[in-house]
């Protein structure tokens, strides 16, 4: 189940621990069933949300090319996703 990894990643993201958050978002992604949405402590998320957060972590870490590739990946899943659009335009 991805919820625990997602919540741990969210805490790391807010605390500025982008590398740790990235690892946890990746762990969450590996446990997500495509097309399914999850909920944890009032927050809902799905695969695109987790991928987008990975892109934001990569951007914070100065890994712009990788973040841009995440944006392109998001475009395949959700072309109008705001974070995906922003990442593609880095």
PDB file of N, CA and C in Angstrom:
ATOM      1  N   UNK A   1       0.842  -1.181   0.000  1.00  0.00           N
ATOM      2  CA  UNK A   1       0.000   0.000   0.000  1.00  0.00           C
ATOM      3  C   UNK A   1       0.887   1.245   0.000  1.00  0.00           C
ATOM      4  N   UNK A   2       0.565   2.201  -0.843  1.00  0.00           N
ATOM      5  CA  UNK A   2       1.436   3.362  -1.019  1.00  0.00           C
ATOM      6  C   UNK A   2       1.231   4.498  -0.015  1.00  0.00           C
ATOM      7  N   UNK A   3       0.164   4.454   0.749  1.00  0.00           N
ATOM      8  CA  UNK A   3      -0.179   5.609   1.592  1.00  0.00           C
ATOM      9  C   UNK A   3       0.939   6.006   2.559  1.00  0.00           C
ATOM     10  N   UNK A   4       1.537   5.049   3.225  1.00  0.00           N
ATOM     11  CA  UNK A   4       2.588   5.356   4.190  1.00  0.00           C
ATOM     12  C   UNK A   4       3.790   6.022   3.542  1.00  0.00           C
ATOM     13  N   UNK A   5       4.177   5.517   2.386  1.00  0.00           N
ATOM     14  CA  UNK A   5       5.308   6.112   1.675  1.00  0.00           C
ATOM     15  C   UNK A   5       4.971   7.526   1.205  1.00  0.00           C
ATOM     16  N   UNK A   6       3.745   7.690   0.729  1.00  0.00           N
ATOM     17  CA  UNK A   6       3.320   9.017   0.267  1.00  0.00           C
ATOM     18  C   UNK A   6       3.333  10.018   1.411  1.00  0.00           C
ATOM     19  N   UNK A   7       2.787   9.631   2.552  1.00  0.00           N
ATOM     20  CA  UNK A   7       2.758  10.557   3.687  1.00  0.00           C
ATOM     21  C   UNK A   7       4.165  10.886   4.179  1.00  0.00           C
ATOM     22  N   UNK A   8       5.025   9.892   4.226  1.00  0.00           N
ATOM     23  CA  UNK A   8       6.411  10.138   4.641  1.00  0.00           C
ATOM     24  C   UNK A   8       7.096  11.080   3.645  1.00  0.00           C
ATOM     25  N   UNK A   9       6.821  10.891   2.365  1.00  0.00           N
ATOM     26  CA  UNK A   9       7.381  11.766   1.334  1.00  0.00           C
ATOM     27  C   UNK A   9       6.874  13.194   1.481  1.00  0.00           C
ATOM     28  N   UNK A  10       5.596  13.343   1.772  1.00  0.00           N
ATOM     29  CA  UNK A  10       5.022  14.681   1.956  1.00  0.00           C
ATOM     30  C   UNK A  10       5.711  15.415   3.106  1.00  0.00           C
ATOM     31  N   UNK A  11       5.965  14.711   4.197  1.00  0.00           N
ATOM     32  CA  UNK A  11       6.656  15.322   5.337  1.00  0.00           C
ATOM     33  C   UNK A  11       8.067  15.736   4.920  1.00  0.00           C
ATOM     34  N   UNK A  12       8.770  14.844   4.249  1.00  0.00           N
ATOM     35  CA  UNK A  12      10.119  15.172   3.786  1.00  0.00           C
ATOM     36  C   UNK A  12      10.120  16.358   2.837  1.00  0.00           C
ATOM     37  N   UNK A  13       9.131  16.418   1.957  1.00  0.00           N
ATOM     38  CA  UNK A  13       9.031  17.520   0.998  1.00  0.00           C
ATOM     39  C   UNK A  13       8.847  18.846   1.717  1.00  0.00           C
ATOM     40  N   UNK A  14       7.938  18.872   2.677  1.00  0.00           N
ATOM     41  CA  UNK A  14       7.653  20.102   3.421  1.00  0.00           C
ATOM     42  C   UNK A  14       8.869  20.530   4.251  1.00  0.00           C
ATOM     43  N   UNK A  15       9.598  19.546   4.764  1.00  0.00           N
ATOM     44  CA  UNK A  15      10.763  19.847   5.584  1.00  0.00           C
ATOM     45  C   UNK A  15      12.008  20.164   4.753  1.00  0.00           C
ATOM     46  N   UNK A  16      11.872  20.146   3.423  1.00  0.00           N
ATOM     47  CA  UNK A  16      12.994  20.477   2.555  1.00  0.00           C
ATOM     48  C   UNK A  16      13.977  19.343   2.339  1.00  0.00           C
ATOM     49  N   UNK A  17      13.593  18.145   2.706  1.00  0.00           N
ATOM     50  CA  UNK A  17      14.446  16.965   2.513  1.00  0.00           C
ATOM     51  C   UNK A  17      14.076  16.311   1.178  1.00  0.00           C
ATOM     52  N   UNK A  18      14.436  16.990   0.097  1.00  0.00           N
ATOM     53  CA  UNK A  18      13.987  16.585  -1.231  1.00  0.00           C
ATOM     54  C   UNK A  18      14.499  15.217  -1.659  1.00  0.00           C
ATOM     55  N   UNK A  19      15.728  14.868  -1.334  1.00  0.00           N
ATOM     56  CA  UNK A  19      16.268  13.568  -1.737  1.00  0.00           C
ATOM     57  C   UNK A  19      15.518  12.438  -1.039  1.00  0.00           C
ATOM     58  N   UNK A  20      15.273  12.601   0.238  1.00  0.00           N
ATOM     59  CA  UNK A  20      14.526  11.596   0.998  1.00  0.00           C
ATOM     60  C   UNK A  20      13.088  11.505   0.480  1.00  0.00           C
ATOM     61  N   UNK A  21      12.475  12.659   0.254  1.00  0.00           N
ATOM     62  CA  UNK A  21      11.105  12.680  -0.260  1.00  0.00           C
ATOM     63  C   UNK A  21      11.035  11.989  -1.623  1.00  0.00           C
ATOM     64  N   UNK A  22      12.020  12.238  -2.478  1.00  0.00           N
ATOM     65  CA  UNK A  22      12.045  11.615  -3.794  1.00  0.00           C
ATOM     66  C   UNK A  22      12.060  10.093  -3.672  1.00  0.00           C
ATOM     67  N   UNK A  23      12.888   9.579  -2.790  1.00  0.00           N
ATOM     68  CA  UNK A  23      12.934   8.123  -2.582  1.00  0.00           C
ATOM     69  C   UNK A  23      11.582   7.579  -2.132  1.00  0.00           C
ATOM     70  N   UNK A  24      10.932   8.300  -1.203  1.00  0.00           N
ATOM     71  CA  UNK A  24       9.640   7.836  -0.704  1.00  0.00           C
ATOM     72  C   UNK A  24       8.542   7.951  -1.762  1.00  0.00           C
ATOM     73  N   UNK A  25       8.567   9.009  -2.579  1.00  0.00           N
ATOM     74  CA  UNK A  25       7.590   9.118  -3.668  1.00  0.00           C
ATOM     75  C   UNK A  25       7.785   7.979  -4.664  1.00  0.00           C
ATOM     76  N   UNK A  26       9.029   7.625  -4.938  1.00  0.00           N
ATOM     77  CA  UNK A  26       9.290   6.511  -5.845  1.00  0.00           C
ATOM     78  C   UNK A  26       8.782   5.198  -5.262  1.00  0.00           C
ATOM     79  N   UNK A  27       8.962   5.028  -3.959  1.00  0.00           N
ATOM     80  CA  UNK A  27       8.440   3.825  -3.303  1.00  0.00           C
ATOM     81  C   UNK A  27       6.921   3.788  -3.368  1.00  0.00           C
ATOM     82  N   UNK A  28       6.292   4.941  -3.173  1.00  0.00           N
ATOM     83  CA  UNK A  28       4.828   5.009  -3.278  1.00  0.00           C
ATOM     84  C   UNK A  28       4.378   4.655  -4.693  1.00  0.00           C
ATOM     85  N   UNK A  29       5.084   5.218  -5.690  1.00  0.00           N
ATOM     86  CA  UNK A  29       4.704   4.944  -7.077  1.00  0.00           C
ATOM     87  C   UNK A  29       4.760   3.456  -7.391  1.00  0.00           C
ATOM     88  N   UNK A  30       5.760   2.777  -6.882  1.00  0.00           N
ATOM     89  CA  UNK A  30       5.919   1.357  -7.190  1.00  0.00           C
ATOM     90  C   UNK A  30       4.799   0.503  -6.588  1.00  0.00           C
ATOM     91  N   UNK A  31       4.037   1.083  -5.677  1.00  0.00           N
ATOM     92  CA  UNK A  31       2.963   0.341  -5.018  1.00  0.00           C
ATOM     93  C   UNK A  31       1.566   0.778  -5.459  1.00  0.00           C
ATOM     94  N   UNK A  32       1.491   1.752  -6.339  1.00  0.00           N
ATOM     95  CA  UNK A  32       0.203   2.274  -6.795  1.00  0.00           C
ATOM     96  C   UNK A  32      -0.343   1.423  -7.932  1.00  0.00           C
ATOM     97  N   UNK A  33      -1.630   1.153  -7.859  1.00  0.00           N
ATOM     98  CA  UNK A  33      -2.330   0.493  -8.957  1.00  0.00           C
ATOM     99  C   UNK A  33      -2.796   1.588  -9.922  1.00  0.00           C
ATOM    100  N   UNK A  34      -2.368   1.534 -11.189  1.00  0.00           N
ATOM    101  CA  UNK A  34      -2.787   2.560 -12.152  1.00  0.00           C
ATOM    102  C   UNK A  34      -4.308   2.705 -12.204  1.00  0.00           C
ATOM    103  N   UNK A  35      -4.756   3.942 -12.273  1.00  0.00           N
ATOM    104  CA  UNK A  35      -6.179   4.227 -12.354  1.00  0.00           C
ATOM    105  C   UNK A  35      -6.881   4.290 -11.018  1.00  0.00           C
ATOM    106  N   UNK A  36      -6.177   3.973  -9.970  1.00  0.00           N
ATOM    107  CA  UNK A  36      -6.780   3.994  -8.637  1.00  0.00           C
ATOM    108  C   UNK A  36      -6.333   5.247  -7.887  1.00  0.00           C
ATOM    109  N   UNK A  37      -7.243   5.815  -7.110  1.00  0.00           N
ATOM    110  CA  UNK A  37      -6.922   6.941  -6.236  1.00  0.00           C
ATOM    111  C   UNK A  37      -6.865   6.443  -4.802  1.00  0.00           C
ATOM    112  N   UNK A  38      -6.040   7.089  -4.021  1.00  0.00           N
ATOM    113  CA  UNK A  38      -5.828   6.714  -2.628  1.00  0.00           C
ATOM    114  C   UNK A  38      -6.129   7.915  -1.744  1.00  0.00           C
ATOM    115  N   UNK A  39      -6.369   7.645  -0.474  1.00  0.00           N
ATOM    116  CA  UNK A  39      -6.629   8.706   0.491  1.00  0.00           C
ATOM    117  C   UNK A  39      -5.864   8.419   1.771  1.00  0.00           C
ATOM    118  N   UNK A  40      -5.316   9.485   2.345  1.00  0.00           N
ATOM    119  CA  UNK A  40      -4.616   9.367   3.617  1.00  0.00           C
ATOM    120  C   UNK A  40      -4.711  10.704   4.340  1.00  0.00           C
ATOM    121  N   UNK A  41      -5.300  10.691   5.514  1.00  0.00           N
ATOM    122  CA  UNK A  41      -5.445  11.891   6.345  1.00  0.00           C
ATOM    123  C   UNK A  41      -6.046  13.058   5.571  1.00  0.00           C
ATOM    124  N   UNK A  42      -7.083  12.782   4.805  1.00  0.00           N
ATOM    125  CA  UNK A  42      -7.804  13.829   4.088  1.00  0.00           C
ATOM    126  C   UNK A  42      -7.174  14.247   2.773  1.00  0.00           C
ATOM    127  N   UNK A  43      -6.040  13.679   2.423  1.00  0.00           N
ATOM    128  CA  UNK A  43      -5.372  13.998   1.168  1.00  0.00           C
ATOM    129  C   UNK A  43      -5.608  12.848   0.197  1.00  0.00           C
ATOM    130  N   UNK A  44      -6.011  13.164  -1.021  1.00  0.00           N
ATOM    131  CA  UNK A  44      -6.188  12.130  -2.028  1.00  0.00           C
ATOM    132  C   UNK A  44      -5.078  12.258  -3.070  1.00  0.00           C
ATOM    133  N   UNK A  45      -4.673  11.123  -3.612  1.00  0.00           N
ATOM    134  CA  UNK A  45      -3.601  11.141  -4.604  1.00  0.00           C
ATOM    135  C   UNK A  45      -3.703   9.917  -5.494  1.00  0.00           C
ATOM    136  N   UNK A  46      -3.107  10.053  -6.651  1.00  0.00           N
ATOM    137  CA  UNK A  46      -3.012   8.960  -7.610  1.00  0.00           C
ATOM    138  C   UNK A  46      -1.637   8.980  -8.237  1.00  0.00           C
ATOM    139  N   UNK A  47      -1.463   8.196  -9.251  1.00  0.00           N
ATOM    140  CA  UNK A  47      -0.160   8.041  -9.878  1.00  0.00           C
ATOM    141  C   UNK A  47       0.395   9.365 -10.405  1.00  0.00           C
ATOM    142  N   UNK A  48      -0.437  10.173 -11.032  1.00  0.00           N
ATOM    143  CA  UNK A  48       0.048  11.435 -11.599  1.00  0.00           C
ATOM    144  C   UNK A  48       0.524  12.375 -10.492  1.00  0.00           C
ATOM    145  N   UNK A  49      -0.178  12.404  -9.385  1.00  0.00           N
ATOM    146  CA  UNK A  49       0.230  13.256  -8.265  1.00  0.00           C
ATOM    147  C   UNK A  49       1.600  12.855  -7.732  1.00  0.00           C
ATOM    148  N   UNK A  50       1.822  11.564  -7.606  1.00  0.00           N
ATOM    149  CA  UNK A  50       3.095  11.065  -7.084  1.00  0.00           C
ATOM    150  C   UNK A  50       4.230  11.357  -8.064  1.00  0.00           C
ATOM    151  N   UNK A  51       3.965  11.170  -9.331  1.00  0.00           N
ATOM    152  CA  UNK A  51       4.982  11.465 -10.346  1.00  0.00           C
ATOM    153  C   UNK A  51       5.298  12.966 -10.351  1.00  0.00           C
ATOM    154  N   UNK A  52       4.269  13.800 -10.241  1.00  0.00           N
ATOM    155  CA  UNK A  52       4.478  15.248 -10.224  1.00  0.00           C
ATOM    156  C   UNK A  52       5.345  15.665  -9.035  1.00  0.00           C
ATOM    157  N   UNK A  53       5.095  15.085  -7.883  1.00  0.00           N
ATOM    158  CA  UNK A  53       5.899  15.417  -6.703  1.00  0.00           C
ATOM    159  C   UNK A  53       7.350  14.988  -6.898  1.00  0.00           C
ATOM    160  N   UNK A  54       7.559  13.883  -7.599  1.00  0.00           N
ATOM    161  CA  UNK A  54       8.932  13.478  -7.911  1.00  0.00           C
ATOM    162  C   UNK A  54       9.613  14.556  -8.755  1.00  0.00           C
ATOM    163  N   UNK A  55       8.889  15.078  -9.719  1.00  0.00           N
ATOM    164  CA  UNK A  55       9.431  16.137 -10.561  1.00  0.00           C
ATOM    165  C   UNK A  55       9.788  17.372  -9.767  1.00  0.00           C
ATOM    166  N   UNK A  56       8.948  17.733  -8.815  1.00  0.00           N
ATOM    167  CA  UNK A  56       9.241  18.904  -7.977  1.00  0.00           C
ATOM    168  C   UNK A  56      10.473  18.661  -7.115  1.00  0.00           C
ATOM    169  N   UNK A  57      10.626  17.449  -6.613  1.00  0.00           N
ATOM    170  CA  UNK A  57      11.822  17.115  -5.835  1.00  0.00           C
ATOM    171  C   UNK A  57      13.075  17.246  -6.707  1.00  0.00           C
ATOM    172  N   UNK A  58      12.997  16.708  -7.905  1.00  0.00           N
ATOM    173  CA  UNK A  58      14.135  16.789  -8.815  1.00  0.00           C
ATOM    174  C   UNK A  58      14.480  18.240  -9.133  1.00  0.00           C
ATOM    175  N   UNK A  59      13.461  19.065  -9.319  1.00  0.00           N
ATOM    176  CA  UNK A  59      13.692  20.489  -9.574  1.00  0.00           C
ATOM    177  C   UNK A  59      14.398  21.128  -8.390  1.00  0.00           C
ATOM    178  N   UNK A  60      13.949  20.854  -7.188  1.00  0.00           N
ATOM    179  CA  UNK A  60      14.583  21.399  -5.985  1.00  0.00           C
ATOM    180  C   UNK A  60      16.030  20.948  -5.850  1.00  0.00           C
ATOM    181  N   UNK A  61      16.304  19.733  -6.324  1.00  0.00           N
ATOM    182  CA  UNK A  61      17.660  19.188  -6.239  1.00  0.00           C
ATOM    183  C   UNK A  61      18.562  19.681  -7.373  1.00  0.00           C
ATOM    184  N   UNK A  62      18.009  20.517  -8.239  1.00  0.00           N
ATOM    185  CA  UNK A  62      18.782  21.061  -9.348  1.00  0.00           C
ATOM    186  C   UNK A  62      18.951  20.095 -10.509  1.00  0.00           C
ATOM    187  N   UNK A  63      18.153  19.061 -10.538  1.00  0.00           N
ATOM    188  CA  UNK A  63      18.219  18.046 -11.589  1.00  0.00           C
ATOM    189  C   UNK A  63      17.147  18.350 -12.645  1.00  0.00           C
ATOM    190  N   UNK A  64      17.335  19.493 -13.301  1.00  0.00           N
ATOM    191  CA  UNK A  64      16.334  20.060 -14.196  1.00  0.00           C
ATOM    192  C   UNK A  64      15.993  19.152 -15.368  1.00  0.00           C
ATOM    193  N   UNK A  65      16.989  18.533 -15.974  1.00  0.00           N
ATOM    194  CA  UNK A  65      16.703  17.663 -17.120  1.00  0.00           C
ATOM    195  C   UNK A  65      15.810  16.498 -16.726  1.00  0.00           C
ATOM    196  N   UNK A  66      16.080  15.913 -15.564  1.00  0.00           N
ATOM    197  CA  UNK A  66      15.246  14.803 -15.089  1.00  0.00           C
ATOM    198  C   UNK A  66      13.841  15.289 -14.750  1.00  0.00           C
ATOM    199  N   UNK A  67      13.752  16.484 -14.173  1.00  0.00           N
ATOM    200  CA  UNK A  67      12.439  17.052 -13.849  1.00  0.00           C
ATOM    201  C   UNK A  67      11.637  17.299 -15.120  1.00  0.00           C
ATOM    202  N   UNK A  68      12.311  17.786 -16.159  1.00  0.00           N
ATOM    203  CA  UNK A  68      11.642  18.030 -17.432  1.00  0.00           C
ATOM    204  C   UNK A  68      11.117  16.715 -18.027  1.00  0.00           C
ATOM    205  N   UNK A  69      11.891  15.641 -17.908  1.00  0.00           N
ATOM    206  CA  UNK A  69      11.441  14.338 -18.403  1.00  0.00           C
ATOM    207  C   UNK A  69      10.212  13.848 -17.644  1.00  0.00           C
ATOM    208  N   UNK A  70      10.172  14.154 -16.350  1.00  0.00           N
ATOM    209  CA  UNK A  70       8.976  13.819 -15.556  1.00  0.00           C
ATOM    210  C   UNK A  70       7.776  14.581 -16.117  1.00  0.00           C
ATOM    211  N   UNK A  71       7.972  15.854 -16.457  1.00  0.00           N
ATOM    212  CA  UNK A  71       6.898  16.653 -17.050  1.00  0.00           C
ATOM    213  C   UNK A  71       6.383  16.034 -18.334  1.00  0.00           C
ATOM    214  N   UNK A  72       7.297  15.506 -19.143  1.00  0.00           N
ATOM    215  CA  UNK A  72       6.898  14.845 -20.390  1.00  0.00           C
ATOM    216  C   UNK A  72       6.124  13.560 -20.098  1.00  0.00           C
ATOM    217  N   UNK A  73       6.551  12.859 -19.076  1.00  0.00           N
ATOM    218  CA  UNK A  73       5.833  11.631 -18.679  1.00  0.00           C
ATOM    219  C   UNK A  73       4.411  11.952 -18.213  1.00  0.00           C
ATOM    220  N   UNK A  74       4.284  13.037 -17.449  1.00  0.00           N
ATOM    221  CA  UNK A  74       2.962  13.461 -16.980  1.00  0.00           C
ATOM    222  C   UNK A  74       2.075  13.826 -18.165  1.00  0.00           C
ATOM    223  N   UNK A  75       2.657  14.460 -19.183  1.00  0.00           N
ATOM    224  CA  UNK A  75       1.884  14.868 -20.361  1.00  0.00           C
ATOM    225  C   UNK A  75       1.220  13.670 -21.031  1.00  0.00           C
ATOM    226  N   UNK A  76       1.874  12.523 -20.975  1.00  0.00           N
ATOM    227  CA  UNK A  76       1.296  11.321 -21.569  1.00  0.00           C
ATOM    228  C   UNK A  76       0.077  10.839 -20.787  1.00  0.00           C
ATOM    229  N   UNK A  77       0.088  11.078 -19.484  1.00  0.00           N
ATOM    230  CA  UNK A  77      -0.995  10.609 -18.616  1.00  0.00           C
ATOM    231  C   UNK A  77      -2.100  11.647 -18.424  1.00  0.00           C
ATOM    232  N   UNK A  78      -1.692  12.908 -18.311  1.00  0.00           N
ATOM    233  CA  UNK A  78      -2.640  13.997 -18.040  1.00  0.00           C
ATOM    234  C   UNK A  78      -2.100  15.278 -18.676  1.00  0.00           C
ATOM    235  N   UNK A  79      -2.373  15.493 -19.955  1.00  0.00           N
ATOM    236  CA  UNK A  79      -1.778  16.609 -20.705  1.00  0.00           C
ATOM    237  C   UNK A  79      -1.989  18.000 -20.108  1.00  0.00           C
ATOM    238  N   UNK A  80      -3.076  18.218 -19.384  1.00  0.00           N
ATOM    239  CA  UNK A  80      -3.367  19.543 -18.840  1.00  0.00           C
ATOM    240  C   UNK A  80      -2.945  19.711 -17.381  1.00  0.00           C
ATOM    241  N   UNK A  81      -2.233  18.758 -16.835  1.00  0.00           N
ATOM    242  CA  UNK A  81      -1.805  18.815 -15.432  1.00  0.00           C
ATOM    243  C   UNK A  81      -0.873  20.010 -15.242  1.00  0.00           C
ATOM    244  N   UNK A  82      -1.207  20.905 -14.311  1.00  0.00           N
ATOM    245  CA  UNK A  82      -0.466  22.162 -14.144  1.00  0.00           C
ATOM    246  C   UNK A  82       0.995  21.949 -13.771  1.00  0.00           C
ATOM    247  N   UNK A  83       1.267  21.044 -12.867  1.00  0.00           N
ATOM    248  CA  UNK A  83       2.659  20.810 -12.483  1.00  0.00           C
ATOM    249  C   UNK A  83       3.421  20.182 -13.660  1.00  0.00           C
ATOM    250  N   UNK A  84       2.764  19.271 -14.355  1.00  0.00           N
ATOM    251  CA  UNK A  84       3.382  18.669 -15.527  1.00  0.00           C
ATOM    252  C   UNK A  84       3.750  19.711 -16.571  1.00  0.00           C
ATOM    253  N   UNK A  85       2.855  20.651 -16.820  1.00  0.00           N
ATOM    254  CA  UNK A  85       3.134  21.735 -17.772  1.00  0.00           C
ATOM    255  C   UNK A  85       4.318  22.572 -17.308  1.00  0.00           C
ATOM    256  N   UNK A  86       4.353  22.902 -16.028  1.00  0.00           N
ATOM    257  CA  UNK A  86       5.450  23.712 -15.490  1.00  0.00           C
ATOM    258  C   UNK A  86       6.786  22.980 -15.609  1.00  0.00           C
ATOM    259  N   UNK A  87       6.778  21.691 -15.310  1.00  0.00           N
ATOM    260  CA  UNK A  87       8.017  20.914 -15.385  1.00  0.00           C
ATOM    261  C   UNK A  87       8.510  20.796 -16.837  1.00  0.00           C
ATOM    262  N   UNK A  88       7.606  20.626 -17.764  1.00  0.00           N
ATOM    263  CA  UNK A  88       7.999  20.530 -19.173  1.00  0.00           C
ATOM    264  C   UNK A  88       8.660  21.803 -19.656  1.00  0.00           C
ATOM    265  N   UNK A  89       8.295  22.935 -19.061  1.00  0.00           N
ATOM    266  CA  UNK A  89       8.798  24.227 -19.502  1.00  0.00           C
ATOM    267  C   UNK A  89      10.011  24.714 -18.725  1.00  0.00           C
ATOM    268  N   UNK A  90      10.642  23.844 -17.971  1.00  0.00           N
ATOM    269  CA  UNK A  90      11.841  24.253 -17.223  1.00  0.00           C
ATOM    270  C   UNK A  90      12.980  24.569 -18.172  1.00  0.00           C
TER     271      UNK A  90
END
